[in-house]
Protein backbone atom coordinates (compact mmCIF):
# COMPACT_ATOMS: atom_id res chain seq x y z
CA MET A 1 113.86 58.59 77.90
CA ALA A 2 110.80 58.70 75.45
CA ARG A 3 111.38 60.37 71.95
CA GLY A 4 108.88 61.27 69.17
CA LYS A 5 109.49 59.84 65.91
CA GLU A 6 111.32 62.39 64.26
CA LEU A 7 114.32 61.34 65.79
CA LEU A 8 118.12 61.42 64.08
CA THR A 9 119.31 58.10 62.70
CA VAL A 10 122.83 57.18 61.70
CA ALA A 11 122.02 56.93 58.29
CA ALA A 12 120.55 60.26 58.11
CA ILE A 13 123.36 62.13 59.98
CA LYS A 14 126.05 60.35 57.91
CA ALA A 15 123.97 61.32 54.23
CA THR A 16 124.12 65.36 55.09
CA LYS A 17 125.59 67.25 53.70
CA PRO A 18 127.68 70.45 55.44
CA PRO A 19 127.14 72.83 56.78
CA ALA A 20 124.29 71.72 58.50
CA LYS A 21 123.37 71.34 62.61
CA LEU A 22 120.61 68.43 63.20
CA HIS A 23 118.49 68.11 65.79
CA ASP A 24 117.68 65.07 67.88
CA GLY A 25 115.43 66.83 70.76
CA GLN A 26 115.34 67.92 73.99
CA GLY A 27 118.35 70.16 73.41
CA LEU A 28 120.85 67.31 71.69
CA TYR A 29 122.46 68.27 67.74
CA CYS A 30 124.61 66.35 65.94
CA GLU A 31 126.52 69.67 64.46
CA ILE A 32 128.24 68.80 60.50
CA VAL A 33 131.23 71.58 59.08
CA GLU A 34 134.19 70.88 56.93
CA SER A 35 137.49 70.09 58.28
CA GLY A 36 139.08 73.33 56.28
CA GLY A 37 141.98 71.34 55.24
CA ASP A 38 143.50 70.02 52.46
CA ASP A 39 141.60 67.00 52.39
CA ALA A 40 138.18 68.73 52.68
CA SER A 41 137.07 66.09 55.49
CA THR A 42 133.78 66.43 57.18
CA LEU A 43 133.35 67.01 60.79
CA ARG A 44 131.00 65.37 62.77
CA ARG A 45 130.05 66.55 66.99
CA TRP A 46 127.96 66.26 69.12
CA LEU A 47 126.35 69.27 70.89
CA PHE A 48 124.04 69.56 74.01
CA ARG A 49 122.24 73.13 74.12
CA TYR A 50 120.37 74.61 77.44
CA THR A 51 119.87 77.20 79.92
CA ALA A 52 122.55 77.33 82.36
CA PRO A 53 120.40 77.23 85.64
CA ASN A 54 122.12 80.46 87.95
CA SER A 55 122.60 83.08 84.79
CA ASN A 56 119.82 81.81 82.46
CA LYS A 57 122.43 81.98 79.78
CA ARG A 58 122.07 79.62 76.72
CA ARG A 59 125.28 77.25 76.30
CA TRP A 60 126.36 74.97 74.25
CA MET A 61 128.34 72.17 75.27
CA GLY A 62 130.61 69.16 73.95
CA LEU A 63 129.74 65.69 74.38
CA GLY A 64 132.54 64.24 71.79
CA SER A 65 133.03 63.71 67.91
CA PHE A 66 130.15 61.43 66.11
CA GLU A 67 133.09 58.77 64.68
CA ALA A 68 133.87 57.97 69.19
CA VAL A 69 130.49 58.73 70.65
CA SER A 70 127.94 56.44 69.19
CA LEU A 71 123.99 58.20 69.05
CA LYS A 72 123.24 56.18 72.03
CA GLN A 73 126.22 57.56 73.84
CA ALA A 74 125.49 60.69 72.86
CA ARG A 75 121.45 60.40 74.51
CA ASP A 76 122.67 59.27 77.54
CA ALA A 77 124.75 61.69 77.52
CA ALA A 78 122.22 64.06 77.27
CA ASP A 79 120.05 62.55 79.70
CA GLU A 80 123.19 62.94 82.57
CA ALA A 81 122.97 66.61 81.67
CA ARG A 82 119.51 66.85 82.12
CA LYS A 83 119.55 65.41 85.30
CA LEU A 84 122.47 67.37 86.58
CA LEU A 85 119.73 70.68 85.54
CA ARG A 86 117.06 69.47 87.60
CA ALA A 87 119.23 69.47 90.59
CA GLY A 88 120.30 72.75 89.52
CA VAL A 89 124.04 71.87 88.64
CA ASP A 90 125.45 73.40 85.31
CA PRO A 91 127.18 70.23 83.57
CA ILE A 92 129.76 72.18 82.16
CA ASP A 93 131.05 73.85 85.74
CA LYS A 94 130.93 70.27 86.88
CA ARG A 95 133.16 68.63 84.28
CA LYS A 96 135.62 71.54 84.63
CA VAL A 97 135.54 70.73 88.18
CA GLU A 98 136.06 66.91 88.14
CA LYS A 99 139.06 68.18 85.41
CA ILE A 100 140.60 70.35 87.85
CA THR A 101 139.98 67.33 90.88
CA GLN A 102 141.09 64.49 88.44
CA ALA A 103 144.67 67.06 88.02
CA MET A 104 145.17 68.11 91.39
CA GLU A 105 144.96 64.03 92.34
CA ALA A 106 147.46 63.12 89.34
CA ALA A 107 149.80 65.96 90.80
CA GLN A 108 149.61 64.26 94.32
CA SER A 109 150.85 60.90 92.74
CA ARG A 110 153.66 62.27 91.03
CA THR A 111 156.67 60.60 92.51
CA PHE A 112 160.17 61.84 93.59
CA LYS A 113 161.75 60.29 90.29
CA GLU A 114 158.97 61.99 88.16
CA ALA A 115 159.11 64.94 89.91
CA ALA A 116 163.44 65.21 89.68
CA LEU A 117 163.30 64.50 85.71
CA GLU A 118 160.69 67.34 85.25
CA PHE A 119 162.93 69.43 87.13
CA LEU A 120 165.83 69.05 85.25
CA GLU A 121 163.81 69.29 82.10
CA ALA A 122 162.87 72.70 83.56
CA LYS A 123 166.30 74.11 84.38
CA ARG A 124 168.33 72.59 81.83
CA ALA A 125 168.33 75.67 79.83
CA ASP A 126 169.88 77.86 82.74
CA TRP A 127 173.05 75.10 82.80
CA THR A 128 175.51 76.34 80.83
CA SER A 129 177.40 72.72 81.24
CA LYS A 130 175.44 69.99 79.33
CA LYS A 131 177.58 67.44 81.73
CA HIS A 132 176.00 69.40 84.55
CA ALA A 133 172.52 67.77 84.20
CA LYS A 134 174.27 64.24 83.77
CA ILE A 135 175.91 64.45 87.18
CA TRP A 136 172.82 66.12 88.66
CA LEU A 137 170.75 63.21 87.98
CA SER A 138 173.51 60.49 88.30
CA THR A 139 173.59 61.61 92.27
CA LEU A 140 169.97 61.03 92.79
CA ASP A 141 170.31 57.97 90.54
CA ASP A 142 173.05 56.74 92.97
CA TYR A 143 171.72 57.25 96.26
CA ALA A 144 168.00 58.40 96.28
CA PHE A 145 165.79 56.69 93.60
CA SER A 146 166.18 53.38 94.88
CA LYS A 147 164.46 54.50 98.29
CA ILE A 148 162.41 57.35 97.18
CA GLY A 149 162.44 57.52 93.80
CA GLY A 150 159.11 55.86 94.01
CA LEU A 151 157.38 57.28 96.59
CA PRO A 152 154.63 60.56 96.08
CA VAL A 153 156.32 63.95 96.10
CA SER A 154 153.03 64.13 98.49
CA HIS A 155 154.41 62.02 100.99
CA LEU A 156 157.71 63.19 101.85
CA ASP A 157 156.82 66.23 104.57
CA THR A 158 157.59 66.98 107.90
CA THR A 159 155.93 64.09 109.20
CA ARG A 160 157.34 61.64 111.58
CA GLN A 161 157.18 58.93 108.33
CA GLY A 162 158.11 61.79 105.51
CA VAL A 163 161.46 62.73 107.51
CA ALA A 164 161.81 58.75 108.05
CA TYR A 165 162.12 58.78 104.31
CA ILE A 166 164.77 61.57 103.90
CA LYS A 167 166.90 60.19 106.89
CA ALA A 168 166.88 57.10 105.14
CA VAL A 169 168.43 58.83 102.15
CA LEU A 170 170.85 60.65 103.96
CA THR A 171 171.91 58.65 107.22
CA PRO A 172 175.08 56.03 105.17
CA ILE A 173 176.73 58.75 103.73
CA TRP A 174 176.13 61.94 106.24
CA ARG A 175 179.14 61.06 108.19
CA GLU A 176 181.11 58.41 105.35
CA LYS A 177 180.34 61.07 102.33
CA PRO A 178 179.92 64.23 103.82
CA GLU A 179 180.54 66.52 100.31
CA THR A 180 178.70 63.61 98.58
CA ALA A 181 174.94 64.04 101.61
CA ARG A 182 175.56 67.90 100.83
CA ARG A 183 174.68 67.67 97.22
CA VAL A 184 172.64 64.76 97.88
CA ARG A 185 170.75 66.72 100.43
CA GLN A 186 170.46 69.81 97.88
CA ARG A 187 168.91 68.19 95.53
CA ILE A 188 166.33 66.50 97.33
CA GLU A 189 165.59 70.03 98.66
CA ALA A 190 165.03 71.72 95.56
CA VAL A 191 162.96 68.90 93.76
CA LEU A 192 160.91 69.22 96.29
CA GLU A 193 160.82 73.04 96.17
CA TYR A 194 159.95 72.64 92.58
CA ALA A 195 157.09 70.19 93.49
CA SER A 196 155.75 72.68 96.40
CA ALA A 197 156.01 75.04 93.58
CA HIS A 198 153.99 73.34 91.07
CA GLY A 199 151.41 72.01 93.81
CA TYR A 200 152.23 68.39 93.68
CA ARG A 201 153.24 68.53 97.23
CA HIS A 202 152.18 71.40 100.00
CA GLY A 203 153.99 72.09 103.78
CA ASP A 204 157.38 72.37 104.81
CA ASN A 205 160.59 71.07 103.24
CA PRO A 206 161.96 68.09 104.77
CA ALA A 207 165.16 68.39 103.45
CA ALA A 208 165.79 71.82 104.30
CA LEU A 209 169.06 72.30 105.49
CA ALA A 210 168.10 73.55 109.32
CA ARG A 211 165.97 70.71 109.67
CA VAL A 212 168.13 68.12 108.76
CA GLN A 213 171.08 69.39 110.70
CA HIS A 214 168.27 69.08 113.72
CA MET A 215 167.69 65.39 112.66
CA MET A 216 171.53 64.58 111.61
CA GLY A 217 173.70 66.75 113.33
CA LYS A 218 176.11 69.04 111.56
CA SER A 219 178.48 67.08 108.40
CA ALA A 220 182.41 67.55 108.53
CA ARG A 221 181.85 69.20 105.15
CA GLN A 222 185.35 68.48 103.55
CA VAL A 223 186.74 71.60 101.07
CA THR A 224 188.63 70.43 98.51
CA HIS A 225 190.59 73.22 96.44
CA ARG A 226 191.44 72.70 92.58
CA PRO A 227 195.24 71.96 92.88
CA ALA A 228 196.75 75.08 91.64
CA LEU A 229 200.13 76.13 90.08
CA PRO A 230 202.19 78.15 92.93
CA TYR A 231 202.25 81.76 91.20
CA GLU A 232 205.60 82.08 91.78
CA GLN A 233 206.50 79.09 89.62
CA ILE A 234 204.13 80.89 86.66
CA ALA A 235 207.32 82.53 84.95
CA ASP A 236 208.79 79.09 84.89
CA PHE A 237 205.94 76.97 83.30
CA MET A 238 204.92 79.59 80.65
CA PRO A 239 208.55 79.35 78.63
CA LYS A 240 207.64 75.43 78.99
CA LEU A 241 204.02 75.84 77.78
CA ARG A 242 204.89 77.72 74.76
CA ALA A 243 207.12 75.38 73.64
CA VAL A 244 204.62 72.23 73.14
CA ASN A 245 202.88 72.45 69.84
CA GLY A 246 199.61 72.20 69.35
CA LEU A 247 195.89 74.62 69.81
CA GLY A 248 195.91 72.54 73.21
CA ALA A 249 198.82 74.30 74.45
CA ARG A 250 197.74 77.94 72.47
CA ALA A 251 193.96 77.07 74.33
CA LEU A 252 195.38 76.80 77.82
CA GLU A 253 198.02 79.42 77.65
CA LEU A 254 195.16 82.02 76.65
CA THR A 255 193.04 80.10 79.67
CA ILE A 256 195.89 81.61 82.13
CA LEU A 257 196.36 84.72 80.66
CA CYS A 258 192.95 85.34 80.49
CA ALA A 259 192.19 83.62 83.85
CA THR A 260 189.00 82.20 82.11
CA ARG A 261 187.00 78.85 82.64
CA THR A 262 187.45 75.81 80.07
CA THR A 263 184.51 76.25 78.64
CA GLU A 264 185.18 79.46 78.54
CA THR A 265 187.92 79.20 76.39
CA LEU A 266 186.86 76.28 74.27
CA GLY A 267 184.05 77.65 72.76
CA ALA A 268 185.47 80.94 72.10
CA MET A 269 184.75 81.80 68.38
CA TRP A 270 186.28 84.43 66.25
CA SER A 271 183.24 86.88 66.48
CA GLU A 272 183.47 87.48 70.14
CA VAL A 273 186.86 88.88 69.75
CA ASP A 274 188.41 92.05 68.27
CA LEU A 275 192.20 92.13 68.01
CA SER A 276 192.04 96.01 67.09
CA THR A 277 190.64 97.06 70.66
CA ALA A 278 192.17 93.86 72.56
CA VAL A 279 188.77 92.96 73.74
CA TRP A 280 187.41 89.52 74.38
CA GLU A 281 183.64 89.66 74.82
CA ILE A 282 181.92 86.60 75.99
CA PRO A 283 178.34 86.43 75.86
CA GLY A 284 175.97 86.23 78.55
CA GLU A 285 175.01 82.61 77.37
CA ARG A 286 178.63 80.53 77.48
CA MET A 287 179.33 82.73 80.98
CA LYS A 288 178.61 80.29 84.42
CA MET A 289 176.71 83.48 85.94
CA LYS A 290 174.54 84.20 82.69
CA ARG A 291 176.28 88.12 82.45
CA SER A 292 178.20 88.79 78.92
CA HIS A 293 181.80 89.34 80.04
CA ARG A 294 183.99 91.52 78.84
CA ILE A 295 187.83 90.62 78.87
CA PRO A 296 190.88 92.99 78.07
CA LEU A 297 193.75 90.87 76.30
CA SER A 298 197.28 91.63 76.96
CA ARG A 299 199.76 92.20 74.78
CA GLN A 300 200.88 88.19 74.73
CA ALA A 301 197.27 87.80 73.95
CA VAL A 302 197.08 89.50 71.48
CA ALA A 303 200.10 88.04 69.59
CA MET A 304 198.93 84.77 69.99
CA LEU A 305 195.50 85.05 68.69
CA THR A 306 196.68 86.74 65.70
CA LEU A 307 198.93 84.16 65.01
CA LEU A 308 195.92 81.72 65.15
CA ARG A 309 193.59 83.61 63.13
CA LYS A 310 196.52 83.80 60.22
CA ALA A 311 196.40 80.51 60.46
CA ASP A 312 192.78 79.85 60.26
CA PRO A 313 191.59 83.39 58.62
CA HIS A 314 187.88 82.01 58.04
CA GLY A 315 187.21 79.47 60.87
CA LYS A 316 184.55 79.94 63.41
CA TYR A 317 185.87 78.75 66.57
CA VAL A 318 189.41 80.18 67.89
CA PHE A 319 190.45 76.49 68.85
CA PRO A 320 188.66 74.35 66.25
CA GLY A 321 188.21 70.66 66.82
CA GLN A 322 190.28 68.12 65.05
CA GLY A 323 188.65 66.92 61.66
CA THR A 324 186.36 69.45 61.78
CA LYS A 325 185.92 73.25 62.06
CA ARG A 326 182.30 72.83 63.06
CA ARG A 327 182.90 72.02 66.86
CA PRO A 328 185.52 73.67 69.69
CA LEU A 329 188.48 71.25 71.27
CA SER A 330 187.02 68.64 73.55
CA GLY A 331 187.20 69.53 77.21
CA MET A 332 189.81 67.28 77.89
CA THR A 333 192.28 68.54 75.53
CA MET A 334 193.86 70.81 77.41
CA LEU A 335 194.49 68.19 80.99
CA LYS A 336 196.24 66.56 78.01
CA VAL A 337 198.71 69.19 77.09
CA LEU A 338 199.47 68.92 80.79
CA GLU A 339 199.65 65.38 81.19
CA ARG A 340 202.50 65.88 77.94
CA MET A 341 204.47 68.25 80.07
CA GLU A 342 204.01 66.21 82.82
CA ARG A 343 202.19 68.34 85.23
CA THR A 344 199.52 66.62 86.23
CA GLU A 345 199.26 67.72 89.54
CA VAL A 346 198.04 70.58 88.84
CA THR A 347 194.54 71.59 87.00
CA VAL A 348 193.13 74.19 84.56
CA HIS A 349 190.69 75.43 86.83
CA GLY A 350 193.61 75.59 89.24
CA PHE A 351 195.10 79.03 87.12
CA ARG A 352 192.28 81.21 88.29
CA SER A 353 193.46 80.56 91.83
CA THR A 354 197.24 80.88 90.87
CA PHE A 355 196.05 84.30 89.08
CA ARG A 356 194.26 85.15 92.08
CA THR A 357 196.56 84.24 94.60
CA TRP A 358 199.10 86.39 92.40
CA ALA A 359 196.52 89.48 92.25
CA GLY A 360 196.28 89.37 96.16
CA GLU A 361 199.95 88.70 97.01
CA CYS A 362 201.93 90.30 94.21
CA THR A 363 199.69 93.41 93.44
CA SER A 364 198.09 96.65 95.34
CA VAL A 365 194.98 96.07 93.22
CA PRO A 366 191.51 96.52 95.10
CA ARG A 367 189.65 93.20 95.60
CA GLU A 368 186.81 94.32 93.61
CA VAL A 369 189.20 94.14 90.09
CA CYS A 370 190.67 91.08 90.77
CA GLU A 371 187.34 89.58 91.50
CA MET A 372 185.94 91.23 88.16
CA ALA A 373 188.44 89.79 86.43
CA LEU A 374 187.53 85.97 87.53
CA ALA A 375 183.82 87.36 85.89
CA HIS A 376 182.67 87.34 89.69
CA ILE A 377 179.39 88.27 91.37
CA GLN A 378 180.19 91.09 93.71
CA GLY A 379 177.84 92.33 96.86
CA ASP A 380 174.42 91.83 97.23
CA ARG A 381 171.35 92.89 94.51
CA THR A 382 171.36 96.62 95.70
CA GLU A 383 175.14 96.76 95.32
CA GLN A 384 175.31 95.48 91.78
CA ALA A 385 171.78 97.30 91.01
CA TYR A 386 173.90 100.44 91.79
CA ALA A 387 177.95 99.03 90.65
CA ARG A 388 177.31 98.63 86.83
CA GLY A 389 180.53 99.54 85.41
CA ASP A 390 182.78 96.64 84.78
CA LEU A 391 185.89 98.55 85.62
CA PHE A 392 187.78 97.76 82.22
CA ALA A 393 190.24 99.99 82.10
CA LYS A 394 191.72 98.81 85.62
CA ARG A 395 190.91 94.85 84.48
CA ALA A 396 193.21 95.63 81.54
CA THR A 397 196.29 97.26 83.75
CA LEU A 398 195.81 94.23 86.06
CA MET A 399 195.72 91.67 82.91
CA GLN A 400 198.64 93.16 81.17
CA LEU A 401 200.70 93.04 84.88
CA TRP A 402 199.77 89.32 85.16
CA ALA A 403 200.81 88.68 81.22
CA ASP A 404 203.98 90.21 82.21
CA ALA A 405 204.73 87.86 85.52
CA CYS A 406 204.18 85.37 83.59
CA ASP A 407 207.15 86.08 81.42
CA ALA A 408 208.81 87.15 84.37
CA ALA A 409 208.67 90.98 83.30
CA SER A 410 207.39 92.28 86.84
CA GLY A 411 210.46 90.55 88.63
CA GLY A 412 207.64 89.08 91.25
CA GLU A 413 207.74 92.22 93.23
CA VAL A 414 204.92 94.23 94.38
CA VAL A 415 203.03 96.40 91.69
CA LYS A 416 200.56 99.46 92.50
CA LEU A 417 198.22 100.01 90.03
CA ASP A 418 199.06 103.73 89.62
CA ASP A 419 202.67 102.92 89.80
CA GLU A 420 202.03 100.56 86.04
CA ARG A 421 199.88 103.47 84.96
CA LYS A 422 202.28 105.94 85.22
CA THR A 423 205.33 103.69 83.67
CA ARG A 424 202.69 102.37 80.46
CA SER A 425 201.86 106.20 79.83
CA ALA A 426 205.49 107.33 80.14
């Protein structure tokens, strides 16, 4: 396009001090400003000024920096914008549409593995265990990524080919490893739901349970329970546990007395424990269900914790790790205690089952009290909205009954909650 004699030159632009806005003609400008930073450098950028064809409003369109876009390139970009304007197209609006289209195309090409890694990063903060994300990813790495990891998630749909991809993953393990197949299917479904929510794919989920069962038939799910000590043996077990020295043994003792999970016990901090009121309150971020949990401490638990506090009056953790008090004991510590006691047939988590079975068989305590003692959420959302109490007083009586049973004080006979209250108040 022909231009007049008074055109901008590179030398003139470099020689101009800020602030300035130099006009090259036909709406093309070079704006020169100070950066505003500590180095007081000069910034130069290309702008194209025009009147929008639909609204008749004046608009400024950025064409890039002076350093990245040459004078010729800026003039060519301005010429392209003028062509669009003559055709009745707003160049800024066209650029926005192109960016959206490019983003959609990039989303549609997102592979299953990329979506899975993105999903894991988004969910990491919601999981209480750091190992969970690693286990979650290893399952997909072992069984799914080799077959569908490189496929765009948009290809994993309910068409014949999309379903075939899912079948290729699940068929080898659906009958042979039903529990593994269940987890793989759930995780594929979760990744695809995440992908749908972010616009990476559309349509129904080919890994949904009902759809997969129609394709594969029902798998023979094998339910395995954590090995637990029979409650009839708890009174014999506890004296032997108390005879074992070390913080690991005391951690296991508190885990049994409070029916807590391993991570809840090992991560216990003295700031959570009030020995004067016999309450241990675990904050929501350390609980599986992300809800704070108040635990009434039995006399036995208070006595043990009191001794531990005297031994470490300024510590942060109730069960600090060896060599450093900045971290708690490792997750394997209590299992090692069971190994030393030659009781490898039971698990730490299994003691929660021991407690729950004892509570159901040997007390008349209502089910909801027993479940709340285990920090289990009861009922649907509506019921939870109305049942806002934590049954603390009733749980305090239950946990003392349990501690007494661990000391063989109850004699193994059924104890009624009301009778126990009368005995304690007499």
